[in-house]
């Protein structure tokens, strides 16, 4: 699925520096094709991504459609625009949430 492919790309782009500078765990609640619960862990050594709940409690939970998630990570949808248009809902630490944008 495009969602699984996007997470593979994110995992490949991870670096110790991202983990060190971000220090956040993101949980994504995605609706639609390839949706479900996914996570990006930028807190634990080396970082990780995966399907299901993160291994530690998420700092930020983002809810959106799987289509908008893919658009966001391919640069076709700016997170702030997604948030303001209601396509993206964010719960948790907003400072940590903003730090994800530099990874996009």
N, C-alpha and C. Protein backbone atom coordinates (compact mmCIF):
# COMPACT_ATOMS: atom_id res chain seq x y z
N UNK A 1 0.84 -1.20 0.00
CA UNK A 1 0.00 0.00 0.00
C UNK A 1 0.88 1.25 0.00
N UNK A 2 0.36 2.37 -0.48
CA UNK A 2 1.14 3.62 -0.45
C UNK A 2 1.56 4.01 0.97
N UNK A 3 0.71 3.69 1.96
CA UNK A 3 1.05 4.02 3.35
C UNK A 3 2.27 3.22 3.80
N UNK A 4 2.25 1.90 3.57
CA UNK A 4 3.37 1.05 3.97
C UNK A 4 4.65 1.49 3.25
N UNK A 5 4.52 1.84 1.98
CA UNK A 5 5.67 2.31 1.19
C UNK A 5 6.23 3.61 1.79
N UNK A 6 5.33 4.52 2.17
CA UNK A 6 5.75 5.79 2.78
C UNK A 6 6.51 5.54 4.07
N UNK A 7 6.01 4.61 4.90
CA UNK A 7 6.72 4.30 6.15
C UNK A 7 8.08 3.67 5.89
N UNK A 8 8.21 2.87 4.81
CA UNK A 8 9.51 2.29 4.44
C UNK A 8 10.49 3.41 4.09
N UNK A 9 10.02 4.40 3.34
CA UNK A 9 10.87 5.53 2.95
C UNK A 9 11.30 6.34 4.19
N UNK A 10 10.34 6.57 5.10
CA UNK A 10 10.63 7.31 6.34
C UNK A 10 11.70 6.57 7.14
N UNK A 11 11.53 5.26 7.28
CA UNK A 11 12.50 4.44 8.02
C UNK A 11 13.89 4.57 7.40
N UNK A 12 13.94 4.57 6.07
CA UNK A 12 15.21 4.69 5.36
C UNK A 12 15.86 6.05 5.53
N UNK A 13 15.05 7.07 5.78
CA UNK A 13 15.56 8.44 5.90
C UNK A 13 15.96 8.81 7.33
N UNK A 14 15.67 7.90 8.28
CA UNK A 14 15.97 8.20 9.68
C UNK A 14 17.45 8.25 9.95
N UNK A 15 17.81 9.14 10.86
CA UNK A 15 19.22 9.21 11.26
C UNK A 15 19.29 9.45 12.77
N UNK A 16 20.45 9.14 13.33
CA UNK A 16 20.66 9.39 14.77
C UNK A 16 20.40 10.86 15.07
N UNK A 17 20.77 11.74 14.12
CA UNK A 17 20.60 13.17 14.36
C UNK A 17 19.12 13.54 14.49
N UNK A 18 18.27 12.99 13.61
CA UNK A 18 16.82 13.23 13.72
C UNK A 18 16.32 12.80 15.09
N UNK A 19 16.77 11.62 15.51
CA UNK A 19 16.32 11.09 16.81
C UNK A 19 16.79 12.01 17.93
N UNK A 20 18.05 12.42 17.87
CA UNK A 20 18.62 13.28 18.91
C UNK A 20 17.92 14.65 18.95
N UNK A 21 17.62 15.22 17.78
CA UNK A 21 17.04 16.57 17.75
C UNK A 21 15.53 16.58 17.94
N UNK A 22 14.85 15.47 17.61
CA UNK A 22 13.39 15.45 17.70
C UNK A 22 12.91 14.97 19.06
N UNK A 23 13.40 13.82 19.50
CA UNK A 23 13.00 13.23 20.78
C UNK A 23 11.48 13.18 20.93
N UNK A 24 10.82 12.58 19.95
CA UNK A 24 9.37 12.46 20.01
C UNK A 24 8.88 11.16 19.40
N UNK A 25 7.73 10.71 19.86
CA UNK A 25 7.10 9.52 19.31
C UNK A 25 5.75 9.94 18.74
N UNK A 26 5.54 9.60 17.46
CA UNK A 26 4.34 10.02 16.74
C UNK A 26 3.49 8.80 16.42
N UNK A 27 2.20 8.91 16.75
CA UNK A 27 1.26 7.84 16.42
C UNK A 27 0.31 8.39 15.38
N UNK A 28 0.06 7.62 14.34
CA UNK A 28 -0.85 8.05 13.27
C UNK A 28 -2.05 7.14 13.24
N UNK A 29 -3.23 7.76 13.30
CA UNK A 29 -4.50 7.02 13.17
C UNK A 29 -5.01 7.35 11.77
N UNK A 30 -4.85 6.40 10.85
CA UNK A 30 -5.18 6.65 9.46
C UNK A 30 -6.44 5.92 9.04
N UNK A 31 -7.32 6.64 8.33
CA UNK A 31 -8.55 6.03 7.83
C UNK A 31 -8.37 5.76 6.33
N UNK A 32 -9.14 4.83 5.82
CA UNK A 32 -9.09 4.53 4.39
C UNK A 32 -8.08 3.44 4.05
N UNK A 33 -7.74 3.35 2.76
CA UNK A 33 -6.84 2.30 2.24
C UNK A 33 -5.50 2.26 2.95
N UNK A 34 -5.13 1.09 3.46
CA UNK A 34 -3.84 0.93 4.12
C UNK A 34 -3.76 1.63 5.46
N UNK A 35 -4.91 2.04 5.96
CA UNK A 35 -4.96 2.80 7.21
C UNK A 35 -4.71 1.95 8.43
N UNK A 36 -5.20 2.45 9.56
CA UNK A 36 -4.98 1.78 10.83
C UNK A 36 -4.02 2.60 11.67
N UNK A 37 -3.43 1.97 12.67
CA UNK A 37 -2.51 2.66 13.57
C UNK A 37 -1.08 2.39 13.13
N UNK A 38 -0.29 3.45 12.99
CA UNK A 38 1.12 3.37 12.60
C UNK A 38 1.90 4.30 13.52
N UNK A 39 3.21 4.16 13.55
CA UNK A 39 3.99 5.06 14.40
C UNK A 39 5.37 5.37 13.80
N UNK A 40 5.91 6.48 14.27
CA UNK A 40 7.30 6.85 14.02
C UNK A 40 7.90 7.15 15.39
N UNK A 41 8.90 6.39 15.77
CA UNK A 41 9.57 6.56 17.06
C UNK A 41 10.89 7.28 16.83
N UNK A 42 10.93 8.56 17.22
CA UNK A 42 12.16 9.35 17.10
C UNK A 42 12.68 9.68 18.49
N UNK A 43 12.59 8.69 19.37
CA UNK A 43 13.05 8.88 20.75
C UNK A 43 14.00 7.76 21.15
N UNK A 44 13.63 6.53 20.78
CA UNK A 44 14.43 5.36 21.12
C UNK A 44 15.63 5.26 20.17
N UNK A 45 16.73 4.73 20.67
CA UNK A 45 17.97 4.66 19.89
C UNK A 45 17.76 4.26 18.43
N UNK A 46 18.24 5.09 17.53
CA UNK A 46 18.16 4.78 16.10
C UNK A 46 16.82 5.08 15.45
N UNK A 47 15.78 5.15 16.26
CA UNK A 47 14.45 5.41 15.73
C UNK A 47 13.86 4.18 15.05
N UNK A 48 12.56 4.18 14.85
CA UNK A 48 11.90 3.08 14.17
C UNK A 48 10.53 3.52 13.69
N UNK A 49 9.95 2.75 12.79
CA UNK A 49 8.58 2.99 12.34
C UNK A 49 7.89 1.63 12.36
N UNK A 50 6.57 1.64 12.30
CA UNK A 50 5.89 0.36 12.22
C UNK A 50 4.39 0.50 12.25
N UNK A 51 3.75 -0.64 12.09
CA UNK A 51 2.30 -0.70 12.15
C UNK A 51 1.90 -1.05 13.58
N UNK A 52 0.81 -0.48 14.03
CA UNK A 52 0.35 -0.75 15.39
C UNK A 52 0.77 0.37 16.33
N UNK A 53 0.54 0.15 17.61
CA UNK A 53 0.89 1.17 18.60
C UNK A 53 2.41 1.23 18.77
N UNK A 54 2.94 2.44 19.08
CA UNK A 54 4.39 2.55 19.29
C UNK A 54 4.82 1.78 20.54
N UNK A 55 6.12 1.40 20.61
CA UNK A 55 6.62 0.63 21.75
C UNK A 55 6.59 1.42 23.06
N UNK A 56 6.59 2.75 22.97
CA UNK A 56 6.46 3.61 24.15
C UNK A 56 5.31 4.57 23.89
N UNK A 57 4.82 5.24 24.93
CA UNK A 57 3.68 6.14 24.78
C UNK A 57 3.99 7.26 23.79
N UNK A 58 3.05 7.52 22.89
CA UNK A 58 3.22 8.57 21.88
C UNK A 58 3.13 9.95 22.51
N UNK A 59 3.99 10.87 22.04
CA UNK A 59 3.93 12.27 22.46
C UNK A 59 2.85 13.00 21.68
N UNK A 60 2.63 12.53 20.45
CA UNK A 60 1.69 13.17 19.54
C UNK A 60 0.87 12.10 18.84
N UNK A 61 -0.45 12.31 18.75
CA UNK A 61 -1.30 11.42 17.97
C UNK A 61 -1.93 12.25 16.86
N UNK A 62 -1.69 11.84 15.62
CA UNK A 62 -2.23 12.55 14.46
C UNK A 62 -3.25 11.67 13.77
N UNK A 63 -4.40 12.24 13.47
CA UNK A 63 -5.46 11.49 12.78
C UNK A 63 -5.73 12.16 11.44
N UNK A 64 -5.79 11.33 10.39
CA UNK A 64 -6.07 11.84 9.05
C UNK A 64 -6.37 10.65 8.14
N UNK A 65 -6.72 10.94 6.89
CA UNK A 65 -6.94 9.84 5.96
C UNK A 65 -5.58 9.35 5.47
N UNK A 66 -5.51 8.09 5.08
CA UNK A 66 -4.24 7.55 4.59
C UNK A 66 -3.80 8.31 3.33
N UNK A 67 -4.77 8.75 2.54
CA UNK A 67 -4.47 9.52 1.31
C UNK A 67 -3.77 10.84 1.67
N UNK A 68 -4.29 11.54 2.68
CA UNK A 68 -3.68 12.82 3.09
C UNK A 68 -2.32 12.59 3.75
N UNK A 69 -2.17 11.46 4.45
CA UNK A 69 -0.88 11.13 5.06
C UNK A 69 0.20 11.02 3.97
N UNK A 70 -0.12 10.28 2.93
CA UNK A 70 0.83 10.10 1.82
C UNK A 70 1.12 11.45 1.17
N UNK A 71 0.06 12.25 0.97
CA UNK A 71 0.26 13.59 0.38
C UNK A 71 1.18 14.44 1.24
N UNK A 72 1.01 14.35 2.57
CA UNK A 72 1.82 15.14 3.49
C UNK A 72 3.29 14.74 3.39
N UNK A 73 3.55 13.44 3.35
CA UNK A 73 4.94 12.97 3.32
C UNK A 73 5.58 13.03 1.94
N UNK A 74 4.77 13.33 0.91
CA UNK A 74 5.36 13.50 -0.42
C UNK A 74 5.38 14.98 -0.79
N UNK A 75 5.06 15.84 0.19
CA UNK A 75 5.17 17.28 -0.03
C UNK A 75 4.00 17.92 -0.75
N UNK A 76 2.92 17.15 -0.98
CA UNK A 76 1.76 17.70 -1.71
C UNK A 76 0.76 18.37 -0.77
N UNK A 77 0.91 18.14 0.54
CA UNK A 77 0.02 18.76 1.52
C UNK A 77 0.88 19.24 2.69
N UNK A 78 0.89 20.54 2.90
CA UNK A 78 1.64 21.10 4.03
C UNK A 78 0.86 20.77 5.31
N UNK A 79 1.58 20.29 6.36
CA UNK A 79 0.88 19.92 7.60
C UNK A 79 0.02 21.05 8.16
N UNK A 80 0.53 22.27 8.12
CA UNK A 80 -0.23 23.40 8.68
C UNK A 80 -1.54 23.61 7.90
N UNK A 81 -1.48 23.41 6.58
CA UNK A 81 -2.69 23.54 5.76
C UNK A 81 -3.67 22.40 6.06
N UNK A 82 -3.12 21.21 6.23
CA UNK A 82 -3.95 20.06 6.58
C UNK A 82 -4.66 20.28 7.90
N UNK A 83 -3.91 20.82 8.85
CA UNK A 83 -4.45 21.09 10.18
C UNK A 83 -5.54 22.16 10.11
N UNK A 84 -5.25 23.26 9.41
CA UNK A 84 -6.20 24.37 9.35
C UNK A 84 -7.45 24.03 8.53
N UNK A 85 -7.32 23.12 7.57
CA UNK A 85 -8.48 22.75 6.75
C UNK A 85 -9.26 21.59 7.36
N UNK A 86 -8.79 21.10 8.54
CA UNK A 86 -9.52 20.04 9.22
C UNK A 86 -9.21 18.64 8.72
N UNK A 87 -8.24 18.51 7.80
CA UNK A 87 -7.88 17.18 7.29
C UNK A 87 -6.98 16.44 8.27
N UNK A 88 -6.35 17.19 9.16
CA UNK A 88 -5.40 16.63 10.11
C UNK A 88 -5.78 17.06 11.51
N UNK A 89 -5.91 16.09 12.41
CA UNK A 89 -6.19 16.40 13.80
C UNK A 89 -4.97 15.99 14.62
N UNK A 90 -4.53 16.89 15.51
CA UNK A 90 -3.33 16.64 16.30
C UNK A 90 -3.67 16.71 17.79
N UNK A 91 -3.29 15.65 18.52
CA UNK A 91 -3.46 15.65 19.98
C UNK A 91 -2.09 15.46 20.59
N UNK A 92 -1.82 16.17 21.68
CA UNK A 92 -0.54 15.97 22.37
C UNK A 92 0.36 17.19 22.31
N UNK A 93 1.65 16.95 22.34
CA UNK A 93 2.66 18.00 22.42
C UNK A 93 2.85 18.70 21.08
N UNK A 94 2.35 19.95 20.97
CA UNK A 94 2.41 20.68 19.71
C UNK A 94 3.84 21.01 19.30
N UNK A 95 4.72 21.23 20.26
CA UNK A 95 6.12 21.54 19.94
C UNK A 95 6.76 20.33 19.25
N UNK A 96 6.50 19.15 19.80
CA UNK A 96 7.01 17.92 19.19
C UNK A 96 6.36 17.72 17.82
N UNK A 97 5.05 18.00 17.73
CA UNK A 97 4.33 17.86 16.45
C UNK A 97 4.97 18.71 15.37
N UNK A 98 5.32 19.94 15.70
CA UNK A 98 5.95 20.86 14.73
C UNK A 98 7.31 20.34 14.28
N UNK A 99 8.01 19.64 15.16
CA UNK A 99 9.35 19.16 14.82
C UNK A 99 9.32 18.10 13.71
N UNK A 100 8.16 17.46 13.52
CA UNK A 100 8.06 16.44 12.49
C UNK A 100 8.16 17.06 11.09
N UNK A 101 7.74 18.33 10.99
CA UNK A 101 7.72 18.99 9.68
C UNK A 101 9.10 19.05 9.04
N UNK A 102 10.16 19.17 9.86
CA UNK A 102 11.49 19.25 9.26
C UNK A 102 11.93 17.93 8.64
N UNK A 103 11.25 16.86 9.02
CA UNK A 103 11.58 15.56 8.44
C UNK A 103 10.91 15.37 7.07
N UNK A 104 9.84 16.10 6.83
CA UNK A 104 9.08 15.93 5.60
C UNK A 104 9.87 16.37 4.38
